[in-house]
Amino acid sequence: MGTENLWEDLFTSNEINTTDSFISIIDSYARDLESASSNKVHARFTRIKNTESSPLLISQEYAQTLKSALQNTKAEKEQLSQKDANSLYDTNKYAFDIYGDEYKFRVFTADVGPVYPVRVEPDINICYEVGDDLERFLDFYTETPNYWINDDESVHFFFKVIIKSRKMQFMVKRLSGD
């Protein structure tokens, strides 16, 4: 067995491509829209709260079996007092909406975790219109057009493409009252 410390690379390597700047990039595009429209059209990138809940329904027999199995497992002698770190790696759903005084338009939703890729689902009509330009990001394993954004540079490219769509141009003009 070698004496190599396998953990050392984790502290010396920068190979993890985090999404730390993803939200700030999208927020900057929101501010740019407000500025360009003289505050007639607003935009926001907000976390969507999951409001779906379903009660866990299990049979009494299964509950008893599970309870007895759990009682027979060995427990840790000492519990750690720290919080569980799994929540640090959670993925959250966000929405990018533009809106005026009367109407709003959801441009896309995004599943954002702590590291790239970010899965983005634009408005379906925008997808049909600019799909060829976004093909390199396409997720072929979903029924609806979803795109995988792999880094900050791809975020900028993605945004430039969807802003050029006819539907986006139409929506921005209508929301601004022009």
N, C-alpha and C. Protein backbone atom coordinates (compact mmCIF):
# COMPACT_ATOMS: atom_id res chain seq x y z
N MET A 1 0.84 -1.17 0.00
CA MET A 1 0.00 0.00 0.00
C MET A 1 0.89 1.24 0.00
N GLY A 2 0.59 2.23 -0.90
CA GLY A 2 1.40 3.43 -1.03
C GLY A 2 1.17 4.41 0.10
N THR A 3 2.05 5.38 0.18
CA THR A 3 1.95 6.40 1.21
C THR A 3 1.34 7.69 0.67
N GLU A 4 0.83 7.63 -0.55
CA GLU A 4 0.24 8.82 -1.17
C GLU A 4 -1.02 9.24 -0.40
N ASN A 5 -1.13 10.52 -0.11
CA ASN A 5 -2.31 11.06 0.56
C ASN A 5 -3.31 11.49 -0.51
N LEU A 6 -4.37 10.71 -0.68
CA LEU A 6 -5.35 10.95 -1.74
C LEU A 6 -6.16 12.23 -1.51
N TRP A 7 -6.20 12.73 -0.32
CA TRP A 7 -6.97 13.93 0.03
C TRP A 7 -6.30 15.21 -0.44
N GLU A 8 -4.98 15.19 -0.60
CA GLU A 8 -4.24 16.41 -0.90
C GLU A 8 -4.72 17.11 -2.17
N ASP A 9 -5.06 16.34 -3.20
CA ASP A 9 -5.52 16.93 -4.46
C ASP A 9 -6.78 17.77 -4.28
N LEU A 10 -7.61 17.42 -3.33
CA LEU A 10 -8.84 18.19 -3.10
C LEU A 10 -8.54 19.62 -2.67
N PHE A 11 -7.42 19.84 -2.04
CA PHE A 11 -7.07 21.15 -1.53
C PHE A 11 -6.17 21.95 -2.47
N THR A 12 -5.59 21.27 -3.44
CA THR A 12 -4.68 21.96 -4.36
C THR A 12 -5.27 22.13 -5.75
N SER A 13 -6.36 21.46 -6.05
CA SER A 13 -6.96 21.49 -7.38
C SER A 13 -8.15 22.45 -7.41
N ASN A 14 -8.34 23.11 -8.54
CA ASN A 14 -9.49 23.99 -8.74
C ASN A 14 -10.41 23.43 -9.82
N GLU A 15 -10.54 22.13 -9.89
CA GLU A 15 -11.29 21.49 -10.95
C GLU A 15 -12.81 21.57 -10.76
N ILE A 16 -13.27 21.91 -9.58
CA ILE A 16 -14.71 21.98 -9.34
C ILE A 16 -15.23 23.30 -9.90
N ASN A 17 -16.16 23.21 -10.83
CA ASN A 17 -16.72 24.38 -11.49
C ASN A 17 -18.01 24.79 -10.77
N THR A 18 -17.90 25.66 -9.78
CA THR A 18 -19.05 26.03 -8.97
C THR A 18 -19.95 27.02 -9.70
N THR A 19 -21.19 27.07 -9.25
CA THR A 19 -22.18 27.99 -9.80
C THR A 19 -22.29 29.27 -8.96
N ASP A 20 -21.26 29.57 -8.20
CA ASP A 20 -21.29 30.75 -7.32
C ASP A 20 -21.70 32.03 -8.05
N SER A 21 -21.26 32.20 -9.28
CA SER A 21 -21.56 33.43 -10.00
C SER A 21 -22.80 33.34 -10.89
N PHE A 22 -23.40 32.17 -11.02
CA PHE A 22 -24.55 31.99 -11.91
C PHE A 22 -25.68 32.97 -11.58
N ILE A 23 -26.08 33.01 -10.33
CA ILE A 23 -27.21 33.87 -9.94
C ILE A 23 -26.86 35.34 -10.14
N SER A 24 -25.64 35.74 -9.81
CA SER A 24 -25.27 37.14 -9.99
C SER A 24 -25.23 37.52 -11.48
N ILE A 25 -24.86 36.59 -12.35
CA ILE A 25 -24.89 36.85 -13.79
C ILE A 25 -26.32 37.10 -14.25
N ILE A 26 -27.23 36.23 -13.84
CA ILE A 26 -28.64 36.38 -14.24
C ILE A 26 -29.21 37.67 -13.64
N ASP A 27 -28.88 37.96 -12.40
CA ASP A 27 -29.35 39.21 -11.78
C ASP A 27 -28.85 40.43 -12.55
N SER A 28 -27.63 40.37 -13.06
CA SER A 28 -27.10 41.50 -13.82
C SER A 28 -27.88 41.69 -15.12
N TYR A 29 -28.30 40.59 -15.76
CA TYR A 29 -29.14 40.70 -16.96
C TYR A 29 -30.50 41.31 -16.60
N ALA A 30 -31.01 41.01 -15.44
CA ALA A 30 -32.28 41.60 -14.98
C ALA A 30 -32.12 43.12 -14.83
N ARG A 31 -31.04 43.55 -14.19
CA ARG A 31 -30.79 44.99 -14.03
C ARG A 31 -30.58 45.67 -15.38
N ASP A 32 -29.89 44.98 -16.30
CA ASP A 32 -29.66 45.55 -17.63
C ASP A 32 -30.98 45.79 -18.36
N LEU A 33 -31.93 44.87 -18.24
CA LEU A 33 -33.24 45.04 -18.88
C LEU A 33 -33.96 46.26 -18.31
N GLU A 34 -33.94 46.39 -17.01
CA GLU A 34 -34.61 47.53 -16.37
C GLU A 34 -33.96 48.84 -16.83
N SER A 35 -32.67 48.86 -16.92
CA SER A 35 -31.96 50.06 -17.37
C SER A 35 -32.28 50.37 -18.83
N ALA A 36 -32.22 49.37 -19.68
CA ALA A 36 -32.46 49.57 -21.12
C ALA A 36 -33.89 50.02 -21.40
N SER A 37 -34.83 49.60 -20.55
CA SER A 37 -36.25 49.95 -20.78
C SER A 37 -36.67 51.18 -19.97
N SER A 38 -35.73 51.87 -19.38
CA SER A 38 -36.02 53.02 -18.51
C SER A 38 -37.02 52.64 -17.41
N ASN A 39 -36.81 51.47 -16.83
CA ASN A 39 -37.63 50.91 -15.75
C ASN A 39 -39.08 50.66 -16.12
N LYS A 40 -39.35 50.48 -17.42
CA LYS A 40 -40.71 50.11 -17.85
C LYS A 40 -40.90 48.60 -17.74
N VAL A 41 -39.83 47.85 -17.97
CA VAL A 41 -39.88 46.38 -17.87
C VAL A 41 -38.91 45.97 -16.77
N HIS A 42 -39.40 45.11 -15.89
CA HIS A 42 -38.60 44.62 -14.78
C HIS A 42 -38.34 43.14 -14.97
N ALA A 43 -37.33 42.65 -14.29
CA ALA A 43 -37.01 41.23 -14.34
C ALA A 43 -36.58 40.78 -12.96
N ARG A 44 -36.80 39.50 -12.71
CA ARG A 44 -36.36 38.94 -11.43
C ARG A 44 -36.01 37.48 -11.63
N PHE A 45 -35.02 37.06 -10.86
CA PHE A 45 -34.61 35.66 -10.85
C PHE A 45 -34.80 35.20 -9.42
N THR A 46 -35.83 34.42 -9.19
CA THR A 46 -36.20 34.05 -7.83
C THR A 46 -36.32 32.54 -7.67
N ARG A 47 -36.09 32.13 -6.46
CA ARG A 47 -36.22 30.71 -6.13
C ARG A 47 -37.70 30.35 -6.06
N ILE A 48 -38.04 29.23 -6.65
CA ILE A 48 -39.41 28.73 -6.63
C ILE A 48 -39.52 27.78 -5.45
N LYS A 49 -40.43 28.08 -4.57
CA LYS A 49 -40.63 27.20 -3.42
C LYS A 49 -41.47 26.01 -3.85
N ASN A 50 -41.06 24.84 -3.43
CA ASN A 50 -41.81 23.63 -3.74
C ASN A 50 -42.97 23.54 -2.76
N THR A 51 -44.19 23.70 -3.28
CA THR A 51 -45.36 23.68 -2.41
C THR A 51 -46.08 22.33 -2.43
N GLU A 52 -45.58 21.43 -3.25
CA GLU A 52 -46.21 20.11 -3.31
C GLU A 52 -45.83 19.30 -2.07
N SER A 53 -46.82 18.65 -1.49
CA SER A 53 -46.54 17.75 -0.38
C SER A 53 -47.47 16.57 -0.49
N SER A 54 -46.95 15.44 -0.16
CA SER A 54 -47.78 14.24 -0.17
C SER A 54 -47.50 13.47 1.10
N PRO A 55 -48.54 13.11 1.80
CA PRO A 55 -48.31 12.36 3.04
C PRO A 55 -47.77 10.97 2.73
N LEU A 56 -46.90 10.49 3.59
CA LEU A 56 -46.35 9.16 3.45
C LEU A 56 -47.36 8.16 3.98
N LEU A 57 -47.90 7.37 3.08
CA LEU A 57 -48.89 6.38 3.46
C LEU A 57 -48.27 4.99 3.34
N ILE A 58 -48.12 4.31 4.48
CA ILE A 58 -47.59 2.95 4.47
C ILE A 58 -48.50 2.08 5.33
N SER A 59 -48.48 0.81 5.03
CA SER A 59 -49.34 -0.11 5.78
C SER A 59 -48.80 -0.29 7.20
N GLN A 60 -49.67 -0.65 8.10
CA GLN A 60 -49.29 -0.89 9.49
C GLN A 60 -48.27 -2.02 9.58
N GLU A 61 -48.48 -3.07 8.78
CA GLU A 61 -47.57 -4.22 8.79
C GLU A 61 -46.16 -3.79 8.38
N TYR A 62 -46.07 -2.97 7.32
CA TYR A 62 -44.76 -2.50 6.86
C TYR A 62 -44.13 -1.60 7.92
N ALA A 63 -44.91 -0.76 8.55
CA ALA A 63 -44.41 0.14 9.59
C ALA A 63 -43.81 -0.66 10.74
N GLN A 64 -44.47 -1.75 11.17
CA GLN A 64 -43.97 -2.59 12.25
C GLN A 64 -42.67 -3.26 11.85
N THR A 65 -42.61 -3.77 10.61
CA THR A 65 -41.39 -4.42 10.11
C THR A 65 -40.24 -3.42 10.10
N LEU A 66 -40.50 -2.23 9.61
CA LEU A 66 -39.48 -1.20 9.55
C LEU A 66 -39.02 -0.81 10.95
N LYS A 67 -39.94 -0.66 11.87
CA LYS A 67 -39.60 -0.28 13.25
C LYS A 67 -38.71 -1.34 13.89
N SER A 68 -39.05 -2.62 13.72
CA SER A 68 -38.24 -3.66 14.34
C SER A 68 -36.87 -3.75 13.69
N ALA A 69 -36.79 -3.52 12.38
CA ALA A 69 -35.50 -3.55 11.70
C ALA A 69 -34.60 -2.41 12.20
N LEU A 70 -35.18 -1.24 12.38
CA LEU A 70 -34.41 -0.10 12.86
C LEU A 70 -33.92 -0.31 14.29
N GLN A 71 -34.71 -0.99 15.10
CA GLN A 71 -34.32 -1.24 16.48
C GLN A 71 -33.14 -2.20 16.56
N ASN A 72 -33.01 -3.06 15.56
CA ASN A 72 -31.94 -4.05 15.56
C ASN A 72 -30.64 -3.53 14.95
N THR A 73 -30.65 -2.32 14.37
CA THR A 73 -29.41 -1.80 13.79
C THR A 73 -28.54 -1.21 14.88
N LYS A 74 -27.25 -1.27 14.64
CA LYS A 74 -26.31 -0.70 15.61
C LYS A 74 -26.29 0.82 15.48
N ALA A 75 -26.26 1.49 16.58
CA ALA A 75 -26.23 2.95 16.58
C ALA A 75 -24.81 3.43 16.83
N GLU A 76 -24.53 4.64 16.36
CA GLU A 76 -23.22 5.24 16.64
C GLU A 76 -23.12 5.45 18.15
N LYS A 77 -21.92 5.24 18.69
CA LYS A 77 -21.75 5.41 20.12
C LYS A 77 -21.91 6.87 20.51
N GLU A 78 -21.37 7.76 19.69
CA GLU A 78 -21.48 9.19 19.97
C GLU A 78 -22.03 9.88 18.74
N GLN A 79 -23.06 10.67 18.91
CA GLN A 79 -23.62 11.44 17.81
C GLN A 79 -22.80 12.71 17.62
N LEU A 80 -22.57 13.07 16.36
CA LEU A 80 -21.88 14.32 16.07
C LEU A 80 -22.86 15.48 16.25
N SER A 81 -22.37 16.61 16.73
CA SER A 81 -23.25 17.75 16.98
C SER A 81 -23.40 18.65 15.75
N GLN A 82 -22.58 18.44 14.72
CA GLN A 82 -22.65 19.29 13.53
C GLN A 82 -23.90 18.98 12.71
N LYS A 83 -24.28 19.98 11.93
CA LYS A 83 -25.43 19.81 11.02
C LYS A 83 -25.03 18.88 9.87
N ASP A 84 -26.02 18.22 9.29
CA ASP A 84 -25.79 17.37 8.14
C ASP A 84 -25.43 18.26 6.94
N ALA A 85 -24.34 17.97 6.27
CA ALA A 85 -23.84 18.80 5.18
C ALA A 85 -24.50 18.51 3.83
N ASN A 86 -25.34 17.49 3.72
CA ASN A 86 -25.95 17.17 2.44
C ASN A 86 -26.75 18.32 1.85
N SER A 87 -27.32 19.16 2.71
CA SER A 87 -28.10 20.29 2.21
C SER A 87 -27.23 21.30 1.45
N LEU A 88 -25.93 21.29 1.68
CA LEU A 88 -25.03 22.19 0.96
C LEU A 88 -24.97 21.84 -0.53
N TYR A 89 -25.35 20.62 -0.88
CA TYR A 89 -25.28 20.16 -2.26
C TYR A 89 -26.66 20.10 -2.91
N ASP A 90 -27.67 20.68 -2.25
CA ASP A 90 -29.03 20.69 -2.79
C ASP A 90 -29.13 21.47 -4.09
N THR A 91 -30.06 21.06 -4.93
CA THR A 91 -30.41 21.77 -6.14
C THR A 91 -31.73 22.48 -5.90
N ASN A 92 -31.80 23.75 -6.29
CA ASN A 92 -33.02 24.53 -6.12
C ASN A 92 -33.53 24.99 -7.47
N LYS A 93 -34.84 25.12 -7.58
CA LYS A 93 -35.45 25.58 -8.82
C LYS A 93 -35.65 27.09 -8.75
N TYR A 94 -35.24 27.78 -9.81
CA TYR A 94 -35.38 29.23 -9.92
C TYR A 94 -36.17 29.57 -11.18
N ALA A 95 -36.73 30.76 -11.21
CA ALA A 95 -37.45 31.24 -12.39
C ALA A 95 -36.95 32.63 -12.75
N PHE A 96 -36.80 32.86 -14.06
CA PHE A 96 -36.48 34.19 -14.57
C PHE A 96 -37.73 34.73 -15.23
N ASP A 97 -38.31 35.76 -14.62
CA ASP A 97 -39.54 36.38 -15.11
C ASP A 97 -39.27 37.82 -15.50
N ILE A 98 -39.94 38.26 -16.56
CA ILE A 98 -39.95 39.69 -16.89
C ILE A 98 -41.38 40.15 -16.73
N TYR A 99 -41.55 41.42 -16.33
CA TYR A 99 -42.90 41.90 -16.09
C TYR A 99 -42.99 43.41 -16.24
N GLY A 100 -44.21 43.83 -16.59
CA GLY A 100 -44.52 45.25 -16.68
C GLY A 100 -45.59 45.57 -15.66
N ASP A 101 -46.36 46.62 -15.93
CA ASP A 101 -47.42 47.01 -14.99
C ASP A 101 -48.56 46.01 -14.94
N GLU A 102 -48.85 45.38 -16.09
CA GLU A 102 -50.03 44.52 -16.16
C GLU A 102 -49.73 43.04 -16.38
N TYR A 103 -48.68 42.73 -17.12
CA TYR A 103 -48.40 41.35 -17.50
C TYR A 103 -47.02 40.90 -17.03
N LYS A 104 -46.87 39.58 -16.95
CA LYS A 104 -45.57 38.98 -16.67
C LYS A 104 -45.33 37.86 -17.66
N PHE A 105 -44.08 37.48 -17.82
CA PHE A 105 -43.72 36.41 -18.74
C PHE A 105 -42.56 35.62 -18.14
N ARG A 106 -42.76 34.32 -17.99
CA ARG A 106 -41.69 33.45 -17.48
C ARG A 106 -40.81 33.04 -18.65
N VAL A 107 -39.58 33.52 -18.64
CA VAL A 107 -38.65 33.28 -19.73
C VAL A 107 -38.06 31.87 -19.62
N PHE A 108 -37.64 31.50 -18.40
CA PHE A 108 -37.11 30.15 -18.20
C PHE A 108 -37.11 29.80 -16.72
N THR A 109 -36.98 28.51 -16.47
CA THR A 109 -36.71 28.02 -15.12
C THR A 109 -35.34 27.36 -15.15
N ALA A 110 -34.72 27.29 -14.00
CA ALA A 110 -33.38 26.69 -13.92
C ALA A 110 -33.24 25.90 -12.63
N ASP A 111 -32.66 24.73 -12.75
CA ASP A 111 -32.32 23.90 -11.59
C ASP A 111 -30.85 24.18 -11.27
N VAL A 112 -30.64 24.91 -10.18
CA VAL A 112 -29.29 25.37 -9.84
C VAL A 112 -28.79 24.65 -8.60
N GLY A 113 -27.71 23.93 -8.76
CA GLY A 113 -27.03 23.29 -7.64
C GLY A 113 -25.74 24.04 -7.37
N PRO A 114 -24.89 23.53 -6.51
CA PRO A 114 -23.66 24.24 -6.17
C PRO A 114 -22.57 24.15 -7.25
N VAL A 115 -22.68 23.18 -8.16
CA VAL A 115 -21.70 23.04 -9.24
C VAL A 115 -22.42 22.89 -10.57
N TYR A 116 -21.74 23.32 -11.64
CA TYR A 116 -22.28 23.13 -12.98
C TYR A 116 -22.30 21.65 -13.31
N PRO A 117 -23.21 21.20 -14.16
CA PRO A 117 -24.08 21.98 -15.04
C PRO A 117 -25.37 22.43 -14.35
N VAL A 118 -25.98 23.47 -14.93
CA VAL A 118 -27.30 23.96 -14.51
C VAL A 118 -28.27 23.57 -15.61
N ARG A 119 -29.39 22.98 -15.22
CA ARG A 119 -30.40 22.59 -16.22
C ARG A 119 -31.38 23.76 -16.38
N VAL A 120 -31.55 24.21 -17.63
CA VAL A 120 -32.42 25.35 -17.92
C VAL A 120 -33.53 24.90 -18.86
N GLU A 121 -34.76 25.32 -18.55
CA GLU A 121 -35.91 25.03 -19.40
C GLU A 121 -36.56 26.35 -19.83
N PRO A 122 -36.25 26.82 -21.04
CA PRO A 122 -36.84 28.07 -21.51
C PRO A 122 -38.30 27.88 -21.93
N ASP A 123 -38.97 29.00 -22.14
CA ASP A 123 -40.31 28.99 -22.71
C ASP A 123 -40.29 28.16 -23.99
N ILE A 124 -41.30 27.35 -24.18
CA ILE A 124 -41.31 26.39 -25.29
C ILE A 124 -41.22 27.06 -26.66
N ASN A 125 -41.88 28.21 -26.83
CA ASN A 125 -41.82 28.90 -28.12
C ASN A 125 -40.44 29.47 -28.40
N ILE A 126 -39.76 29.91 -27.37
CA ILE A 126 -38.38 30.37 -27.54
C ILE A 126 -37.52 29.19 -27.96
N CYS A 127 -37.76 28.03 -27.36
CA CYS A 127 -36.99 26.83 -27.72
C CYS A 127 -37.14 26.49 -29.20
N TYR A 128 -38.39 26.53 -29.68
CA TYR A 128 -38.63 26.19 -31.08
C TYR A 128 -37.93 27.18 -32.01
N GLU A 129 -37.89 28.43 -31.58
CA GLU A 129 -37.33 29.48 -32.41
C GLU A 129 -35.81 29.47 -32.46
N VAL A 130 -35.15 29.24 -31.34
CA VAL A 130 -33.69 29.34 -31.28
C VAL A 130 -33.01 28.00 -30.99
N GLY A 131 -33.78 26.93 -31.09
CA GLY A 131 -33.26 25.61 -30.76
C GLY A 131 -31.98 25.23 -31.48
N ASP A 132 -31.88 25.61 -32.75
CA ASP A 132 -30.67 25.27 -33.51
C ASP A 132 -29.43 25.94 -32.92
N ASP A 133 -29.59 27.17 -32.45
CA ASP A 133 -28.45 27.89 -31.88
C ASP A 133 -28.05 27.34 -30.51
N LEU A 134 -28.98 26.66 -29.85
CA LEU A 134 -28.70 26.12 -28.52
C LEU A 134 -28.48 24.60 -28.53
N GLU A 135 -28.42 24.03 -29.70
CA GLU A 135 -28.35 22.57 -29.82
C GLU A 135 -27.21 21.95 -29.02
N ARG A 136 -26.08 22.62 -28.94
CA ARG A 136 -24.94 22.04 -28.22
C ARG A 136 -25.21 21.87 -26.73
N PHE A 137 -26.24 22.57 -26.20
CA PHE A 137 -26.60 22.47 -24.78
C PHE A 137 -27.77 21.53 -24.53
N LEU A 138 -28.38 21.01 -25.59
CA LEU A 138 -29.63 20.26 -25.48
C LEU A 138 -29.47 18.97 -24.68
N ASP A 139 -30.46 18.74 -23.80
CA ASP A 139 -30.55 17.48 -23.06
C ASP A 139 -31.45 16.55 -23.87
N PHE A 140 -30.89 15.53 -24.45
CA PHE A 140 -31.64 14.64 -25.34
C PHE A 140 -32.52 13.64 -24.59
N TYR A 141 -32.44 13.63 -23.27
CA TYR A 141 -33.15 12.62 -22.49
C TYR A 141 -34.41 13.13 -21.82
N THR A 142 -34.92 14.27 -22.25
CA THR A 142 -36.15 14.81 -21.67
C THR A 142 -37.17 15.03 -22.77
N GLU A 143 -38.45 15.00 -22.40
CA GLU A 143 -39.52 15.20 -23.37
C GLU A 143 -39.63 16.65 -23.80
N THR A 144 -39.42 17.57 -22.88
CA THR A 144 -39.46 18.99 -23.20
C THR A 144 -38.02 19.49 -23.40
N PRO A 145 -37.85 20.52 -24.19
CA PRO A 145 -36.48 21.02 -24.41
C PRO A 145 -35.85 21.57 -23.14
N ASN A 146 -34.82 20.92 -22.69
CA ASN A 146 -34.02 21.36 -21.55
C ASN A 146 -32.58 21.48 -22.03
N TYR A 147 -31.88 22.41 -21.42
CA TYR A 147 -30.51 22.67 -21.83
C TYR A 147 -29.59 22.61 -20.63
N TRP A 148 -28.38 22.08 -20.84
CA TRP A 148 -27.38 22.00 -19.79
C TRP A 148 -26.36 23.12 -20.00
N ILE A 149 -26.27 24.01 -19.03
CA ILE A 149 -25.31 25.11 -19.05
C ILE A 149 -24.13 24.66 -18.20
N ASN A 150 -22.93 24.63 -18.80
CA ASN A 150 -21.78 24.01 -18.14
C ASN A 150 -20.81 24.98 -17.47
N ASP A 151 -20.93 26.26 -17.75
CA ASP A 151 -20.01 27.23 -17.15
C ASP A 151 -20.54 28.64 -17.34
N ASP A 152 -19.85 29.62 -16.75
CA ASP A 152 -20.28 31.01 -16.81
C ASP A 152 -20.32 31.53 -18.25
N GLU A 153 -19.36 31.14 -19.06
CA GLU A 153 -19.32 31.57 -20.45
C GLU A 153 -20.57 31.10 -21.20
N SER A 154 -21.00 29.89 -20.92
CA SER A 154 -22.20 29.35 -21.57
C SER A 154 -23.46 30.09 -21.13
N VAL A 155 -23.48 30.61 -19.91
CA VAL A 155 -24.62 31.41 -19.44
C VAL A 155 -24.77 32.63 -20.34
N HIS A 156 -23.67 33.31 -20.61
CA HIS A 156 -23.70 34.51 -21.46
C HIS A 156 -24.17 34.17 -22.87
N PHE A 157 -23.65 33.09 -23.43
CA PHE A 157 -24.04 32.67 -24.78
C PHE A 157 -25.53 32.35 -24.82
N PHE A 158 -26.00 31.58 -23.84
CA PHE A 158 -27.41 31.20 -23.75
C PHE A 158 -28.30 32.44 -23.72
N PHE A 159 -27.94 33.41 -22.88
CA PHE A 159 -28.75 34.61 -22.73
C PHE A 159 -28.78 35.42 -24.03
N LYS A 160 -27.65 35.54 -24.70
CA LYS A 160 -27.61 36.28 -25.96
C LYS A 160 -28.53 35.66 -26.99
N VAL A 161 -28.58 34.34 -27.01
CA VAL A 161 -29.43 33.65 -27.99
C VAL A 161 -30.91 33.86 -27.68
N ILE A 162 -31.31 33.68 -26.43
CA ILE A 162 -32.75 33.80 -26.15
C ILE A 162 -33.24 35.24 -26.26
N ILE A 163 -32.37 36.22 -25.98
CA ILE A 163 -32.77 37.62 -26.11
C ILE A 163 -33.06 37.96 -27.57
N LYS A 164 -32.41 37.30 -28.49
CA LYS A 164 -32.61 37.57 -29.92
C LYS A 164 -33.86 36.92 -30.49
N SER A 165 -34.54 36.08 -29.73
CA SER A 165 -35.73 35.42 -30.26
C SER A 165 -36.85 36.44 -30.50
N ARG A 166 -37.67 36.16 -31.48
CA ARG A 166 -38.79 37.06 -31.80
C ARG A 166 -39.75 37.17 -30.62
N LYS A 167 -39.99 36.06 -29.94
CA LYS A 167 -40.93 36.11 -28.82
C LYS A 167 -40.41 37.01 -27.71
N MET A 168 -39.11 36.91 -27.38
CA MET A 168 -38.55 37.77 -26.34
C MET A 168 -38.65 39.23 -26.75
N GLN A 169 -38.31 39.52 -27.99
CA GLN A 169 -38.38 40.89 -28.47
C GLN A 169 -39.81 41.42 -28.39
N PHE A 170 -40.77 40.59 -28.80
CA PHE A 170 -42.17 40.98 -28.74
C PHE A 170 -42.61 41.23 -27.30
N MET A 171 -42.28 40.30 -26.41
CA MET A 171 -42.70 40.42 -25.02
C MET A 171 -42.12 41.68 -24.36
N VAL A 172 -40.84 41.92 -24.57
CA VAL A 172 -40.21 43.09 -23.97
C VAL A 172 -40.87 44.37 -24.47
N LYS A 173 -41.12 44.44 -25.77
CA LYS A 173 -41.76 45.63 -26.33
C LYS A 173 -43.17 45.80 -25.76
N ARG A 174 -43.94 44.74 -25.71
CA ARG A 174 -45.31 44.85 -25.18
C ARG A 174 -45.34 45.20 -23.70
N LEU A 175 -44.46 44.57 -22.94
CA LEU A 175 -44.41 44.85 -21.50
C LEU A 175 -43.97 46.28 -21.21
N SER A 176 -43.21 46.86 -22.13
CA SER A 176 -42.75 48.24 -21.93
C SER A 176 -43.80 49.27 -22.34
N GLY A 177 -44.86 48.78 -23.00
CA GLY A 177 -45.92 49.69 -23.44
C GLY A 177 -45.67 50.28 -24.80
N ASP A 178 -44.60 49.84 -25.47
CA ASP A 178 -44.30 50.35 -26.83
C ASP A 178 -45.13 49.63 -27.87
